[in-house]
Amino acid sequence: MSLWNRTHNLDRMTLPELVRAFFTYPAIWTYLGLSAVSVALILRWMEQPWRLLPAVVVTVLVYPLVWYLLHRYVLHGRYLYKSRFTASSWKRIHFDHHQDPHNLRVLFGALYTTLPTIAIVTLPVGYAIAGPTGALAAFATGLLTTVFYEFCHCVQHLNFAPKSAFLQRIKKLHLQHHFHNEQGNYGITNYAWDRLLGTYYATVRDLPKSATVFNLGYTEDEALRYPWVAAQSQGTRGDGNPRRFRVASSEN
């Protein structure tokens, strides 16, 4: 675990360095470990293997929609930073990532948010389709899909030009979300819901440059009203530019 005692800047890492860091990160170990336990239990209890396939397929289909809704309405919503009780969670799970998109430490989702979400989404779906083993199959599928999403997300921010047309496309769309206009391209590997719900843009010419692309609407004025995120950030990346602004200290 000593590998994770230093800063990981994706703008300066090679692909082999990313792979090594990725597969030594505790959250990835957790996802893979829980997937292995789920599969082991399925093999022990399973009676009709064919019944598990629909649970897997439905999970794969539902996952992009769930991610889209969470990303658009929760992570990019402006209500979490307005409460002292949720501000630190919002800062950790998304604000910090937009402040510094190359910081691998804050790119990964936090386990205290990702694991409950995966369980809430997949377990009922799988259970409704194929009972307890269906729930386990759906849960394992959600975990492994998360690993796939996380790796693609890392590559999207890595200083690396993929040869795969798929990776090239999703990298371009995601970087536009981070550096041009954050109010679109909410998908990570799948942009179908962006197309269906009107938030897809193919090039930077399709939308104007956003002034809040780095701070997600947590502007200097907002920081003065709701200081909890800024107080933990030692200043935040400013409105539409890389400079940082300072806010009133917590005792004011």
C-alpha atoms as a PDB file:
ATOM      1  CA  MET A   1       0.000   0.000   0.000  1.00  0.00           C
ATOM      2  CA  SER A   2       3.086   2.294   0.055  1.00  0.00           C
ATOM      3  CA  LEU A   3       2.331   3.108  -3.573  1.00  0.00           C
ATOM      4  CA  TRP A   4      -0.631   5.173  -2.352  1.00  0.00           C
ATOM      5  CA  ASN A   5       1.405   7.242   0.059  1.00  0.00           C
ATOM      6  CA  ARG A   6       2.280   9.695  -2.715  1.00  0.00           C
ATOM      7  CA  THR A   7       0.422  11.971  -5.105  1.00  0.00           C
ATOM      8  CA  HIS A   8      -0.736  10.494  -8.407  1.00  0.00           C
ATOM      9  CA  ASN A   9      -0.997  13.033 -11.212  1.00  0.00           C
ATOM     10  CA  LEU A  10      -2.573  11.485 -14.295  1.00  0.00           C
ATOM     11  CA  ASP A  11      -1.140  14.243 -16.463  1.00  0.00           C
ATOM     12  CA  ARG A  12       2.351  12.892 -15.682  1.00  0.00           C
ATOM     13  CA  MET A  13       1.721   9.152 -15.499  1.00  0.00           C
ATOM     14  CA  THR A  14       2.236   6.483 -18.150  1.00  0.00           C
ATOM     15  CA  LEU A  15      -0.313   3.775 -18.890  1.00  0.00           C
ATOM     16  CA  PRO A  16       1.721   1.042 -17.092  1.00  0.00           C
ATOM     17  CA  GLU A  17       2.003   3.316 -14.044  1.00  0.00           C
ATOM     18  CA  LEU A  18      -1.763   3.844 -14.100  1.00  0.00           C
ATOM     19  CA  VAL A  19      -2.458   0.103 -14.338  1.00  0.00           C
ATOM     20  CA  ARG A  20      -0.186  -0.553 -11.374  1.00  0.00           C
ATOM     21  CA  ALA A  21      -1.780   2.202  -9.301  1.00  0.00           C
ATOM     22  CA  PHE A  22      -5.303   1.194 -10.347  1.00  0.00           C
ATOM     23  CA  PHE A  23      -5.003  -2.418  -9.254  1.00  0.00           C
ATOM     24  CA  THR A  24      -3.420  -1.537  -5.931  1.00  0.00           C
ATOM     25  CA  TYR A  25      -6.098   0.989  -4.974  1.00  0.00           C
ATOM     26  CA  PRO A  26      -8.157  -0.224  -1.966  1.00  0.00           C
ATOM     27  CA  ALA A  27     -11.541   0.557  -3.546  1.00  0.00           C
ATOM     28  CA  ILE A  28     -10.721  -1.558  -6.599  1.00  0.00           C
ATOM     29  CA  TRP A  29      -9.632  -4.414  -4.339  1.00  0.00           C
ATOM     30  CA  THR A  30     -12.927  -4.073  -2.509  1.00  0.00           C
ATOM     31  CA  TYR A  31     -15.011  -4.235  -5.696  1.00  0.00           C
ATOM     32  CA  LEU A  32     -13.097  -7.234  -7.026  1.00  0.00           C
ATOM     33  CA  GLY A  33     -13.152  -9.005  -3.665  1.00  0.00           C
ATOM     34  CA  LEU A  34     -16.895  -8.577  -3.192  1.00  0.00           C
ATOM     35  CA  SER A  35     -17.448  -9.724  -6.776  1.00  0.00           C
ATOM     36  CA  ALA A  36     -15.435 -12.886  -6.092  1.00  0.00           C
ATOM     37  CA  VAL A  37     -17.411 -13.599  -2.915  1.00  0.00           C
ATOM     38  CA  SER A  38     -20.693 -13.072  -4.779  1.00  0.00           C
ATOM     39  CA  VAL A  39     -19.663 -15.448  -7.575  1.00  0.00           C
ATOM     40  CA  ALA A  40     -18.547 -18.068  -5.053  1.00  0.00           C
ATOM     41  CA  LEU A  41     -21.928 -17.921  -3.316  1.00  0.00           C
ATOM     42  CA  ILE A  42     -23.727 -18.128  -6.658  1.00  0.00           C
ATOM     43  CA  LEU A  43     -21.800 -21.266  -7.596  1.00  0.00           C
ATOM     44  CA  ARG A  44     -22.684 -22.802  -4.257  1.00  0.00           C
ATOM     45  CA  TRP A  45     -26.418 -21.997  -4.294  1.00  0.00           C
ATOM     46  CA  MET A  46     -27.264 -21.807  -7.982  1.00  0.00           C
ATOM     47  CA  GLU A  47     -29.819 -24.312  -9.330  1.00  0.00           C
ATOM     48  CA  GLN A  48     -30.865 -22.794 -12.675  1.00  0.00           C
ATOM     49  CA  PRO A  49     -27.938 -20.880 -14.202  1.00  0.00           C
ATOM     50  CA  TRP A  50     -29.965 -19.625 -17.159  1.00  0.00           C
ATOM     51  CA  ARG A  51     -32.179 -17.583 -14.809  1.00  0.00           C
ATOM     52  CA  LEU A  52     -29.213 -15.390 -13.867  1.00  0.00           C
ATOM     53  CA  LEU A  53     -28.588 -14.046 -17.362  1.00  0.00           C
ATOM     54  CA  PRO A  54     -31.568 -11.623 -17.368  1.00  0.00           C
ATOM     55  CA  ALA A  55     -30.395 -10.196 -14.027  1.00  0.00           C
ATOM     56  CA  VAL A  56     -26.957  -9.536 -15.513  1.00  0.00           C
ATOM     57  CA  VAL A  57     -28.352  -8.021 -18.711  1.00  0.00           C
ATOM     58  CA  VAL A  58     -30.818  -5.737 -16.908  1.00  0.00           C
ATOM     59  CA  THR A  59     -28.065  -4.529 -14.580  1.00  0.00           C
ATOM     60  CA  VAL A  60     -25.797  -3.668 -17.510  1.00  0.00           C
ATOM     61  CA  LEU A  61     -28.653  -1.757 -19.164  1.00  0.00           C
ATOM     62  CA  VAL A  62     -29.766   0.083 -16.016  1.00  0.00           C
ATOM     63  CA  TYR A  63     -26.285   1.127 -14.891  1.00  0.00           C
ATOM     64  CA  PRO A  64     -25.765   3.937 -17.465  1.00  0.00           C
ATOM     65  CA  LEU A  65     -29.115   5.503 -16.570  1.00  0.00           C
ATOM     66  CA  VAL A  66     -28.396   5.396 -12.843  1.00  0.00           C
ATOM     67  CA  TRP A  67     -24.967   6.922 -13.374  1.00  0.00           C
ATOM     68  CA  TYR A  68     -26.418   9.645 -15.597  1.00  0.00           C
ATOM     69  CA  LEU A  69     -29.089  10.610 -13.064  1.00  0.00           C
ATOM     70  CA  LEU A  70     -26.670  10.635 -10.130  1.00  0.00           C
ATOM     71  CA  HIS A  71     -24.026  12.541 -12.032  1.00  0.00           C
ATOM     72  CA  ARG A  72     -26.407  15.170 -13.389  1.00  0.00           C
ATOM     73  CA  TYR A  73     -28.782  15.727 -10.498  1.00  0.00           C
ATOM     74  CA  VAL A  74     -26.754  14.799  -7.398  1.00  0.00           C
ATOM     75  CA  LEU A  75     -23.072  15.352  -8.142  1.00  0.00           C
ATOM     76  CA  HIS A  76     -23.789  18.466 -10.209  1.00  0.00           C
ATOM     77  CA  GLY A  77     -26.661  19.600  -8.033  1.00  0.00           C
ATOM     78  CA  ARG A  78     -26.093  22.649  -5.878  1.00  0.00           C
ATOM     79  CA  TYR A  79     -27.865  21.548  -2.727  1.00  0.00           C
ATOM     80  CA  LEU A  80     -25.250  19.291  -1.100  1.00  0.00           C
ATOM     81  CA  TYR A  81     -22.763  22.107  -0.507  1.00  0.00           C
ATOM     82  CA  LYS A  82     -25.476  24.236   1.099  1.00  0.00           C
ATOM     83  CA  SER A  83     -25.585  22.039   4.206  1.00  0.00           C
ATOM     84  CA  ARG A  84     -22.723  21.651   6.642  1.00  0.00           C
ATOM     85  CA  PHE A  85     -23.734  17.986   6.989  1.00  0.00           C
ATOM     86  CA  THR A  86     -23.300  17.074   3.302  1.00  0.00           C
ATOM     87  CA  ALA A  87     -20.740  19.639   2.133  1.00  0.00           C
ATOM     88  CA  SER A  88     -17.685  17.515   2.914  1.00  0.00           C
ATOM     89  CA  SER A  89     -19.159  14.503   1.111  1.00  0.00           C
ATOM     90  CA  TRP A  90     -19.894  16.581  -1.999  1.00  0.00           C
ATOM     91  CA  LYS A  91     -16.402  18.020  -1.861  1.00  0.00           C
ATOM     92  CA  ARG A  92     -14.854  14.560  -1.724  1.00  0.00           C
ATOM     93  CA  ILE A  93     -17.022  12.751  -4.248  1.00  0.00           C
ATOM     94  CA  HIS A  94     -17.092  15.339  -7.031  1.00  0.00           C
ATOM     95  CA  PHE A  95     -16.048  18.935  -6.338  1.00  0.00           C
ATOM     96  CA  ASP A  96     -12.399  18.029  -5.755  1.00  0.00           C
ATOM     97  CA  HIS A  97     -12.362  16.039  -8.983  1.00  0.00           C
ATOM     98  CA  HIS A  98     -13.490  19.059 -11.008  1.00  0.00           C
ATOM     99  CA  GLN A  99     -11.055  21.289  -9.139  1.00  0.00           C
ATOM    100  CA  ASP A 100      -8.161  19.037 -10.155  1.00  0.00           C
ATOM    101  CA  PRO A 101      -9.227  16.503 -12.825  1.00  0.00           C
ATOM    102  CA  HIS A 102      -5.737  14.941 -12.968  1.00  0.00           C
ATOM    103  CA  ASN A 103      -5.580  13.968  -9.281  1.00  0.00           C
ATOM    104  CA  LEU A 104      -6.071  10.209  -9.212  1.00  0.00           C
ATOM    105  CA  ARG A 105      -6.769  10.164  -5.480  1.00  0.00           C
ATOM    106  CA  VAL A 106     -10.052  12.045  -5.875  1.00  0.00           C
ATOM    107  CA  LEU A 107     -11.011  10.537  -9.233  1.00  0.00           C
ATOM    108  CA  PHE A 108     -12.161   7.267  -7.659  1.00  0.00           C
ATOM    109  CA  GLY A 109     -15.570   7.220  -6.044  1.00  0.00           C
ATOM    110  CA  ALA A 110     -15.656   7.024  -2.258  1.00  0.00           C
ATOM    111  CA  LEU A 111     -16.656   3.556  -1.005  1.00  0.00           C
ATOM    112  CA  TYR A 112     -19.100   4.951   1.548  1.00  0.00           C
ATOM    113  CA  THR A 113     -21.133   6.319  -1.366  1.00  0.00           C
ATOM    114  CA  THR A 114     -20.478   3.827  -4.166  1.00  0.00           C
ATOM    115  CA  LEU A 115     -21.112   0.543  -2.342  1.00  0.00           C
ATOM    116  CA  PRO A 116     -24.534   1.496  -0.911  1.00  0.00           C
ATOM    117  CA  THR A 117     -25.559   2.886  -4.294  1.00  0.00           C
ATOM    118  CA  ILE A 118     -24.522  -0.271  -6.157  1.00  0.00           C
ATOM    119  CA  ALA A 119     -26.334  -2.439  -3.609  1.00  0.00           C
ATOM    120  CA  ILE A 120     -29.527  -0.357  -3.634  1.00  0.00           C
ATOM    121  CA  VAL A 121     -29.705  -0.393  -7.421  1.00  0.00           C
ATOM    122  CA  THR A 122     -28.701  -3.987  -8.171  1.00  0.00           C
ATOM    123  CA  LEU A 123     -29.899  -6.192  -5.323  1.00  0.00           C
ATOM    124  CA  PRO A 124     -33.656  -5.511  -5.699  1.00  0.00           C
ATOM    125  CA  VAL A 125     -33.478  -5.843  -9.490  1.00  0.00           C
ATOM    126  CA  GLY A 126     -31.622  -9.135  -9.329  1.00  0.00           C
ATOM    127  CA  TYR A 127     -33.833 -10.503  -6.569  1.00  0.00           C
ATOM    128  CA  ALA A 128     -37.014  -9.666  -8.496  1.00  0.00           C
ATOM    129  CA  ILE A 129     -35.700 -11.548 -11.521  1.00  0.00           C
ATOM    130  CA  ALA A 130     -34.071 -14.616  -9.995  1.00  0.00           C
ATOM    131  CA  GLY A 131     -34.232 -14.552  -6.198  1.00  0.00           C
ATOM    132  CA  PRO A 132     -31.151 -14.521  -3.930  1.00  0.00           C
ATOM    133  CA  THR A 133     -28.716 -15.800  -6.560  1.00  0.00           C
ATOM    134  CA  GLY A 134     -30.104 -13.253  -9.027  1.00  0.00           C
ATOM    135  CA  ALA A 135     -29.447 -10.527  -6.477  1.00  0.00           C
ATOM    136  CA  LEU A 136     -25.860 -11.713  -6.098  1.00  0.00           C
ATOM    137  CA  ALA A 137     -25.407 -11.896  -9.883  1.00  0.00           C
ATOM    138  CA  ALA A 138     -26.724  -8.355 -10.311  1.00  0.00           C
ATOM    139  CA  PHE A 139     -24.562  -7.095  -7.438  1.00  0.00           C
ATOM    140  CA  ALA A 140     -21.421  -8.704  -8.889  1.00  0.00           C
ATOM    141  CA  THR A 141     -22.266  -7.246 -12.294  1.00  0.00           C
ATOM    142  CA  GLY A 142     -22.667  -3.780 -10.778  1.00  0.00           C
ATOM    143  CA  LEU A 143     -19.319  -4.086  -9.007  1.00  0.00           C
ATOM    144  CA  LEU A 144     -17.458  -5.229 -12.113  1.00  0.00           C
ATOM    145  CA  THR A 145     -19.149  -2.561 -14.222  1.00  0.00           C
ATOM    146  CA  THR A 146     -17.943  -0.011 -11.685  1.00  0.00           C
ATOM    147  CA  VAL A 147     -14.376  -1.307 -12.071  1.00  0.00           C
ATOM    148  CA  PHE A 148     -14.711  -0.929 -15.849  1.00  0.00           C
ATOM    149  CA  TYR A 149     -16.117   2.590 -15.483  1.00  0.00           C
ATOM    150  CA  GLU A 150     -13.391   3.604 -13.060  1.00  0.00           C
ATOM    151  CA  PHE A 151     -10.637   2.356 -15.367  1.00  0.00           C
ATOM    152  CA  CYS A 152     -12.119   4.135 -18.391  1.00  0.00           C
ATOM    153  CA  HIS A 153     -12.461   7.268 -16.284  1.00  0.00           C
ATOM    154  CA  CYS A 154      -8.777   7.068 -15.359  1.00  0.00           C
ATOM    155  CA  VAL A 155      -7.766   6.682 -19.009  1.00  0.00           C
ATOM    156  CA  GLN A 156      -9.927   9.670 -19.926  1.00  0.00           C
ATOM    157  CA  HIS A 157      -7.758  11.847 -17.672  1.00  0.00           C
ATOM    158  CA  LEU A 158      -4.433  10.132 -18.403  1.00  0.00           C
ATOM    159  CA  ASN A 159      -1.857  11.905 -20.587  1.00  0.00           C
ATOM    160  CA  PHE A 160      -2.224   9.135 -23.132  1.00  0.00           C
ATOM    161  CA  ALA A 161      -3.679   8.880 -26.645  1.00  0.00           C
ATOM    162  CA  PRO A 162      -5.703   5.640 -26.860  1.00  0.00           C
ATOM    163  CA  LYS A 163      -5.587   3.617 -30.075  1.00  0.00           C
ATOM    164  CA  SER A 164      -9.115   2.345 -29.517  1.00  0.00           C
ATOM    165  CA  ALA A 165     -11.768   4.399 -31.340  1.00  0.00           C
ATOM    166  CA  PHE A 166     -14.132   3.803 -28.422  1.00  0.00           C
ATOM    167  CA  LEU A 167     -11.662   5.176 -25.862  1.00  0.00           C
ATOM    168  CA  GLN A 168     -10.777   8.107 -28.125  1.00  0.00           C
ATOM    169  CA  ARG A 169     -14.430   9.067 -28.413  1.00  0.00           C
ATOM    170  CA  ILE A 170     -15.349   8.830 -24.746  1.00  0.00           C
ATOM    171  CA  LYS A 171     -12.122  10.579 -23.725  1.00  0.00           C
ATOM    172  CA  LYS A 172     -12.915  13.530 -26.000  1.00  0.00           C
ATOM    173  CA  LEU A 173     -16.496  13.829 -24.706  1.00  0.00           C
ATOM    174  CA  HIS A 174     -15.498  13.545 -21.061  1.00  0.00           C
ATOM    175  CA  LEU A 175     -12.690  16.094 -21.290  1.00  0.00           C
ATOM    176  CA  GLN A 176     -15.164  18.526 -22.833  1.00  0.00           C
ATOM    177  CA  HIS A 177     -17.308  18.011 -19.719  1.00  0.00           C
ATOM    178  CA  HIS A 178     -14.322  18.919 -17.529  1.00  0.00           C
ATOM    179  CA  PHE A 179     -12.650  21.716 -19.459  1.00  0.00           C
ATOM    180  CA  HIS A 180     -15.341  23.305 -21.635  1.00  0.00           C
ATOM    181  CA  ASN A 181     -18.874  22.963 -20.256  1.00  0.00           C
ATOM    182  CA  GLU A 182     -19.853  20.758 -17.333  1.00  0.00           C
ATOM    183  CA  GLN A 183     -23.573  21.004 -18.103  1.00  0.00           C
ATOM    184  CA  GLY A 184     -23.490  18.155 -20.591  1.00  0.00           C
ATOM    185  CA  ASN A 185     -21.839  14.828 -21.466  1.00  0.00           C
ATOM    186  CA  TYR A 186     -22.622  13.302 -18.080  1.00  0.00           C
ATOM    187  CA  GLY A 187     -21.989   9.746 -19.224  1.00  0.00           C
ATOM    188  CA  ILE A 188     -18.658   8.041 -18.684  1.00  0.00           C
ATOM    189  CA  THR A 189     -18.625   5.183 -21.180  1.00  0.00           C
ATOM    190  CA  ASN A 190     -22.178   5.499 -22.487  1.00  0.00           C
ATOM    191  CA  TYR A 191     -23.688   8.750 -23.745  1.00  0.00           C
ATOM    192  CA  ALA A 192     -27.052   7.375 -24.885  1.00  0.00           C
ATOM    193  CA  TRP A 193     -28.919   9.073 -22.041  1.00  0.00           C
ATOM    194  CA  ASP A 194     -27.210  12.369 -22.792  1.00  0.00           C
ATOM    195  CA  ARG A 195     -28.560  12.080 -26.321  1.00  0.00           C
ATOM    196  CA  LEU A 196     -32.053  11.131 -25.169  1.00  0.00           C
ATOM    197  CA  LEU A 197     -32.286  13.838 -22.502  1.00  0.00           C
ATOM    198  CA  GLY A 198     -30.693  16.662 -24.443  1.00  0.00           C
ATOM    199  CA  THR A 199     -27.344  17.050 -22.671  1.00  0.00           C
ATOM    200  CA  TYR A 200     -25.076  15.574 -25.329  1.00  0.00           C
ATOM    201  CA  TYR A 201     -22.681  17.799 -27.247  1.00  0.00           C
ATOM    202  CA  ALA A 202     -20.234  16.436 -29.784  1.00  0.00           C
ATOM    203  CA  THR A 203     -17.832  19.379 -30.071  1.00  0.00           C
ATOM    204  CA  VAL A 204     -16.969  22.509 -28.119  1.00  0.00           C
ATOM    205  CA  ARG A 205     -18.678  24.527 -30.827  1.00  0.00           C
ATOM    206  CA  ASP A 206     -22.044  23.149 -29.719  1.00  0.00           C
ATOM    207  CA  LEU A 207     -22.075  24.908 -26.323  1.00  0.00           C
ATOM    208  CA  PRO A 208     -20.504  28.122 -25.003  1.00  0.00           C
ATOM    209  CA  LYS A 209     -17.594  27.938 -22.597  1.00  0.00           C
ATOM    210  CA  SER A 210     -18.894  27.586 -19.040  1.00  0.00           C
ATOM    211  CA  ALA A 211     -17.719  29.968 -16.317  1.00  0.00           C
ATOM    212  CA  THR A 212     -18.347  27.275 -13.701  1.00  0.00           C
ATOM    213  CA  VAL A 213     -16.601  24.335 -15.359  1.00  0.00           C
ATOM    214  CA  PHE A 214     -14.099  24.038 -12.476  1.00  0.00           C
ATOM    215  CA  ASN A 215     -16.271  24.990  -9.504  1.00  0.00           C
ATOM    216  CA  LEU A 216     -19.685  23.500 -10.486  1.00  0.00           C
ATOM    217  CA  GLY A 217     -21.471  26.681  -9.469  1.00  0.00           C
ATOM    218  CA  TYR A 218     -19.695  26.961  -6.140  1.00  0.00           C
ATOM    219  CA  THR A 219     -18.594  30.502  -6.951  1.00  0.00           C
ATOM    220  CA  GLU A 220     -16.974  33.048  -4.686  1.00  0.00           C
ATOM    221  CA  ASP A 221     -20.386  34.458  -3.771  1.00  0.00           C
ATOM    222  CA  GLU A 222     -21.704  30.978  -2.970  1.00  0.00           C
ATOM    223  CA  ALA A 223     -18.622  30.218  -0.893  1.00  0.00           C
ATOM    224  CA  LEU A 224     -19.273  33.282   1.210  1.00  0.00           C
ATOM    225  CA  ARG A 225     -22.842  32.102   1.882  1.00  0.00           C
ATOM    226  CA  TYR A 226     -21.971  28.430   2.322  1.00  0.00           C
ATOM    227  CA  PRO A 227     -18.361  28.357   3.554  1.00  0.00           C
ATOM    228  CA  TRP A 228     -17.957  24.681   4.532  1.00  0.00           C
ATOM    229  CA  VAL A 229     -16.424  23.400   1.291  1.00  0.00           C
ATOM    230  CA  ALA A 230     -14.095  26.371   0.930  1.00  0.00           C
ATOM    231  CA  ALA A 231     -13.045  26.089   4.575  1.00  0.00           C
ATOM    232  CA  GLN A 232     -11.837  22.550   3.871  1.00  0.00           C
ATOM    233  CA  SER A 233     -10.226  23.489   0.560  1.00  0.00           C
ATOM    234  CA  GLN A 234      -7.896  26.332   1.562  1.00  0.00           C
ATOM    235  CA  GLY A 235      -9.467  28.356  -1.215  1.00  0.00           C
ATOM    236  CA  THR A 236     -11.113  27.011  -4.355  1.00  0.00           C
ATOM    237  CA  ARG A 237     -10.405  27.155  -8.045  1.00  0.00           C
ATOM    238  CA  GLY A 238     -11.942  30.371  -9.273  1.00  0.00           C
ATOM    239  CA  ASP A 239     -14.855  31.174 -11.539  1.00  0.00           C
ATOM    240  CA  GLY A 240     -13.841  30.049 -15.006  1.00  0.00           C
ATOM    241  CA  ASN A 241     -10.086  30.352 -14.504  1.00  0.00           C
ATOM    242  CA  PRO A 242      -7.305  28.451 -12.686  1.00  0.00           C
ATOM    243  CA  ARG A 243      -6.701  31.124 -10.062  1.00  0.00           C
ATOM    244  CA  ARG A 244      -7.954  30.479  -6.560  1.00  0.00           C
ATOM    245  CA  PHE A 245     -10.139  32.737  -4.498  1.00  0.00           C
ATOM    246  CA  ARG A 246     -10.158  33.051  -0.741  1.00  0.00           C
ATOM    247  CA  VAL A 247     -13.243  33.188   1.413  1.00  0.00           C
ATOM    248  CA  ALA A 248     -14.018  34.431   4.865  1.00  0.00           C
ATOM    249  CA  SER A 249     -12.636  32.190   7.591  1.00  0.00           C
ATOM    250  CA  SER A 250     -15.006  29.886   9.403  1.00  0.00           C
ATOM    251  CA  GLU A 251     -15.158  32.125  12.458  1.00  0.00           C
ATOM    252  CA  ASN A 252     -16.608  35.057  10.427  1.00  0.00           C
END
